[in-house]
N, C-alpha and C. Protein backbone atom coordinates (compact mmCIF):
# COMPACT_ATOMS: atom_id res chain seq x y z
N MET A 1 25.57 7.35 -17.96
CA MET A 1 26.00 7.71 -16.62
C MET A 1 24.77 7.85 -15.72
N VAL A 2 24.78 7.22 -14.57
CA VAL A 2 23.69 7.29 -13.62
C VAL A 2 24.16 8.14 -12.44
N PRO A 3 23.44 9.21 -12.10
CA PRO A 3 23.89 10.08 -11.01
C PRO A 3 23.74 9.41 -9.64
N LEU A 4 24.71 9.68 -8.79
CA LEU A 4 24.70 9.24 -7.39
C LEU A 4 24.70 10.49 -6.54
N LYS A 5 23.65 10.69 -5.74
CA LYS A 5 23.54 11.86 -4.87
C LYS A 5 23.55 11.39 -3.42
N ILE A 6 24.51 11.89 -2.65
CA ILE A 6 24.68 11.48 -1.26
C ILE A 6 24.30 12.64 -0.35
N ASP A 7 23.44 12.36 0.64
CA ASP A 7 23.03 13.35 1.64
C ASP A 7 23.60 12.90 2.99
N LEU A 8 24.72 13.50 3.38
CA LEU A 8 25.40 13.08 4.62
C LEU A 8 24.62 13.45 5.87
N GLN A 9 23.79 14.50 5.81
CA GLN A 9 22.98 14.87 6.97
C GLN A 9 21.89 13.83 7.24
N LYS A 10 21.35 13.24 6.19
CA LYS A 10 20.29 12.24 6.34
C LYS A 10 20.81 10.81 6.28
N ASN A 11 22.12 10.65 6.09
CA ASN A 11 22.73 9.31 5.97
C ASN A 11 22.04 8.48 4.90
N SER A 12 21.76 9.10 3.76
CA SER A 12 21.08 8.39 2.68
C SER A 12 21.68 8.79 1.34
N ALA A 13 21.34 8.02 0.32
CA ALA A 13 21.82 8.31 -1.03
C ALA A 13 20.77 7.85 -2.03
N VAL A 14 20.82 8.47 -3.21
CA VAL A 14 19.96 8.10 -4.32
C VAL A 14 20.87 7.82 -5.50
N TRP A 15 20.72 6.64 -6.09
CA TRP A 15 21.49 6.27 -7.29
C TRP A 15 20.49 6.09 -8.41
N GLY A 16 20.46 7.06 -9.30
CA GLY A 16 19.43 7.07 -10.35
C GLY A 16 18.07 7.21 -9.71
N ALA A 17 17.18 6.24 -9.94
CA ALA A 17 15.85 6.26 -9.34
C ALA A 17 15.78 5.43 -8.06
N ASP A 18 16.89 4.80 -7.67
CA ASP A 18 16.93 3.93 -6.50
C ASP A 18 17.31 4.73 -5.26
N ALA A 19 16.34 4.96 -4.38
CA ALA A 19 16.59 5.74 -3.16
C ALA A 19 16.83 4.85 -1.95
N ASN A 20 17.12 3.60 -2.15
CA ASN A 20 17.27 2.66 -1.04
C ASN A 20 18.72 2.47 -0.61
N TRP A 21 19.45 3.56 -0.47
CA TRP A 21 20.86 3.48 -0.06
C TRP A 21 21.05 4.20 1.26
N GLN A 22 21.85 3.60 2.13
CA GLN A 22 22.12 4.16 3.45
C GLN A 22 23.63 4.37 3.61
N VAL A 23 24.00 5.54 4.14
CA VAL A 23 25.40 5.78 4.51
C VAL A 23 25.62 5.03 5.81
N VAL A 24 26.47 4.00 5.79
CA VAL A 24 26.68 3.18 6.98
C VAL A 24 27.94 3.57 7.73
N SER A 25 28.86 4.25 7.04
CA SER A 25 30.04 4.77 7.72
C SER A 25 30.70 5.83 6.85
N GLN A 26 31.44 6.71 7.51
CA GLN A 26 32.19 7.73 6.80
C GLN A 26 33.31 8.22 7.69
N ASN A 27 34.37 8.66 7.05
CA ASN A 27 35.45 9.34 7.76
C ASN A 27 35.93 10.46 6.87
N GLU A 28 37.08 11.04 7.19
CA GLU A 28 37.56 12.19 6.41
C GLU A 28 37.91 11.84 4.97
N LYS A 29 38.06 10.56 4.66
CA LYS A 29 38.47 10.16 3.31
C LYS A 29 37.44 9.32 2.56
N TYR A 30 36.67 8.46 3.25
CA TYR A 30 35.79 7.50 2.59
C TYR A 30 34.34 7.61 3.07
N ILE A 31 33.43 7.24 2.16
CA ILE A 31 32.01 7.09 2.47
C ILE A 31 31.62 5.68 2.06
N THR A 32 30.92 4.96 2.94
CA THR A 32 30.46 3.61 2.63
C THR A 32 28.94 3.62 2.59
N LEU A 33 28.39 3.10 1.48
CA LEU A 33 26.95 3.00 1.28
C LEU A 33 26.55 1.54 1.20
N ARG A 34 25.37 1.23 1.72
CA ARG A 34 24.84 -0.12 1.60
C ARG A 34 23.40 -0.03 1.12
N SER A 35 23.02 -0.94 0.25
CA SER A 35 21.66 -0.96 -0.29
C SER A 35 20.68 -1.49 0.74
N ASN A 36 19.54 -0.80 0.85
CA ASN A 36 18.45 -1.28 1.71
C ASN A 36 17.33 -1.90 0.89
N SER A 37 17.62 -2.24 -0.33
CA SER A 37 16.60 -2.76 -1.25
C SER A 37 16.07 -4.10 -0.75
N HIS A 38 14.77 -4.28 -0.86
CA HIS A 38 14.14 -5.53 -0.47
C HIS A 38 14.25 -6.58 -1.57
N HIS A 39 14.84 -6.20 -2.71
CA HIS A 39 15.04 -7.15 -3.80
C HIS A 39 16.14 -8.16 -3.46
N HIS A 40 16.99 -7.80 -2.49
CA HIS A 40 18.11 -8.66 -2.13
C HIS A 40 17.72 -9.54 -0.95
N THR A 41 17.12 -10.69 -1.23
CA THR A 41 16.79 -11.60 -0.15
C THR A 41 18.02 -12.36 0.32
N VAL A 42 19.02 -12.42 -0.55
CA VAL A 42 20.30 -13.04 -0.22
C VAL A 42 21.38 -12.07 -0.68
N GLY A 43 22.28 -11.69 0.21
CA GLY A 43 23.38 -10.81 -0.17
C GLY A 43 22.99 -9.35 -0.19
N GLY A 44 23.66 -8.57 -1.04
CA GLY A 44 23.39 -7.15 -1.15
C GLY A 44 24.49 -6.42 -1.88
N MET A 45 24.35 -5.08 -1.94
CA MET A 45 25.32 -4.22 -2.63
C MET A 45 25.95 -3.24 -1.66
N THR A 46 27.24 -2.95 -1.88
CA THR A 46 27.98 -1.99 -1.07
C THR A 46 28.84 -1.14 -1.99
N TRP A 47 28.92 0.17 -1.70
CA TRP A 47 29.83 1.09 -2.38
C TRP A 47 30.80 1.65 -1.35
N VAL A 48 32.04 1.83 -1.72
CA VAL A 48 32.99 2.62 -0.95
C VAL A 48 33.55 3.67 -1.90
N ILE A 49 33.40 4.94 -1.51
CA ILE A 49 33.77 6.05 -2.38
C ILE A 49 34.83 6.89 -1.69
N GLU A 50 35.90 7.18 -2.40
CA GLU A 50 36.96 8.06 -1.90
C GLU A 50 36.50 9.49 -2.18
N ARG A 51 36.34 10.28 -1.14
CA ARG A 51 35.73 11.61 -1.25
C ARG A 51 36.43 12.56 -2.22
N PHE A 52 37.73 12.55 -2.25
CA PHE A 52 38.47 13.58 -2.98
C PHE A 52 38.78 13.22 -4.42
N SER A 53 39.14 11.97 -4.66
CA SER A 53 39.46 11.56 -6.03
C SER A 53 38.22 11.11 -6.81
N GLY A 54 37.15 10.72 -6.08
CA GLY A 54 35.97 10.17 -6.74
C GLY A 54 36.09 8.69 -7.06
N GLU A 55 37.23 8.10 -6.74
CA GLU A 55 37.43 6.67 -7.00
C GLU A 55 36.46 5.86 -6.15
N PHE A 56 35.89 4.79 -6.74
CA PHE A 56 34.95 3.97 -5.99
C PHE A 56 35.12 2.50 -6.32
N VAL A 57 34.63 1.68 -5.40
CA VAL A 57 34.51 0.24 -5.60
C VAL A 57 33.09 -0.11 -5.20
N GLN A 58 32.40 -0.83 -6.07
CA GLN A 58 31.04 -1.30 -5.79
C GLN A 58 31.06 -2.81 -5.83
N SER A 59 30.47 -3.44 -4.83
CA SER A 59 30.44 -4.90 -4.82
C SER A 59 29.00 -5.39 -4.66
N TYR A 60 28.73 -6.54 -5.24
CA TYR A 60 27.42 -7.16 -5.13
C TYR A 60 27.62 -8.66 -4.93
N VAL A 61 26.92 -9.19 -3.95
CA VAL A 61 26.89 -10.64 -3.72
C VAL A 61 25.43 -11.02 -3.61
N GLY A 62 25.03 -12.05 -4.33
CA GLY A 62 23.63 -12.48 -4.27
C GLY A 62 23.35 -13.62 -5.22
N LEU A 63 22.08 -13.94 -5.35
CA LEU A 63 21.65 -14.98 -6.28
C LEU A 63 21.51 -14.36 -7.66
N MET A 64 22.27 -14.87 -8.60
CA MET A 64 22.27 -14.33 -9.96
C MET A 64 21.79 -15.38 -10.93
N THR A 65 21.05 -14.94 -11.93
CA THR A 65 20.50 -15.82 -12.95
C THR A 65 21.48 -15.94 -14.10
N ARG A 66 21.74 -17.15 -14.50
CA ARG A 66 22.65 -17.38 -15.61
C ARG A 66 21.91 -17.52 -16.94
N LYS A 67 20.62 -17.78 -16.87
CA LYS A 67 19.82 -17.93 -18.08
C LYS A 67 18.78 -16.82 -18.12
N GLY A 68 18.37 -16.42 -19.31
CA GLY A 68 17.41 -15.34 -19.47
C GLY A 68 16.02 -15.63 -18.92
N ASP A 69 15.71 -16.90 -18.68
CA ASP A 69 14.36 -17.25 -18.22
C ASP A 69 14.25 -17.26 -16.69
N GLY A 70 15.31 -16.88 -15.98
CA GLY A 70 15.25 -16.81 -14.53
C GLY A 70 15.58 -18.10 -13.81
N THR A 71 15.87 -19.14 -14.54
CA THR A 71 16.24 -20.41 -13.91
C THR A 71 17.76 -20.42 -13.69
N ASP A 72 18.23 -21.45 -13.05
CA ASP A 72 19.67 -21.64 -12.83
C ASP A 72 20.27 -20.49 -12.01
N ARG A 73 19.63 -20.16 -10.89
CA ARG A 73 20.15 -19.11 -10.01
C ARG A 73 21.26 -19.68 -9.12
N ARG A 74 22.35 -18.93 -9.06
CA ARG A 74 23.49 -19.36 -8.26
C ARG A 74 24.03 -18.20 -7.44
N LEU A 75 24.60 -18.52 -6.31
CA LEU A 75 25.25 -17.52 -5.50
C LEU A 75 26.51 -17.06 -6.23
N ASP A 76 26.63 -15.75 -6.43
CA ASP A 76 27.75 -15.22 -7.19
C ASP A 76 28.01 -13.79 -6.72
N GLY A 77 29.01 -13.17 -7.27
CA GLY A 77 29.32 -11.80 -6.90
C GLY A 77 30.14 -11.12 -7.97
N TYR A 78 30.18 -9.80 -7.88
CA TYR A 78 31.03 -9.04 -8.80
C TYR A 78 31.50 -7.77 -8.12
N VAL A 79 32.53 -7.21 -8.68
CA VAL A 79 33.11 -5.95 -8.19
C VAL A 79 33.29 -5.02 -9.38
N LEU A 80 32.84 -3.79 -9.22
CA LEU A 80 33.06 -2.75 -10.22
C LEU A 80 33.96 -1.69 -9.62
N ARG A 81 34.86 -1.16 -10.42
CA ARG A 81 35.74 -0.08 -9.99
C ARG A 81 35.62 1.05 -10.99
N GLY A 82 35.75 2.26 -10.51
CA GLY A 82 35.69 3.40 -11.41
C GLY A 82 35.98 4.69 -10.71
N VAL A 83 35.75 5.78 -11.42
CA VAL A 83 35.95 7.11 -10.88
C VAL A 83 34.74 7.96 -11.23
N CYS A 84 34.12 8.56 -10.21
CA CYS A 84 33.03 9.50 -10.45
C CYS A 84 33.64 10.71 -11.14
N ASN A 85 33.02 11.16 -12.22
CA ASN A 85 33.61 12.26 -12.96
C ASN A 85 33.04 13.62 -12.57
N PHE A 86 32.15 13.65 -11.58
CA PHE A 86 31.60 14.91 -11.11
C PHE A 86 31.46 14.83 -9.60
N LYS A 87 32.13 15.70 -8.88
CA LYS A 87 32.12 15.68 -7.42
C LYS A 87 31.66 17.03 -6.90
N ARG A 88 30.90 17.00 -5.81
CA ARG A 88 30.50 18.23 -5.14
C ARG A 88 30.57 18.00 -3.65
N PHE A 89 31.68 18.27 -3.04
CA PHE A 89 31.85 18.15 -1.59
C PHE A 89 32.26 19.48 -1.04
């Protein structure tokens, strides 16, 4: 489990050791985070988190390597769904 810490006053978040997350929108039910990582020259990552249930969807679109040697990069994407098991709001 990798901890996700959201600071709504600073509009930022830290996911594990990655502090390159920005709160781009929020309302009474949802928080949307977007990665500011410079590793994403094409595409990027986005999280949408439901504040009360902890349910989330994370999406990534970018150049992904299909071979272990870094060749054969293709535009691709994935979606992860889950529930945060520890909430502090």
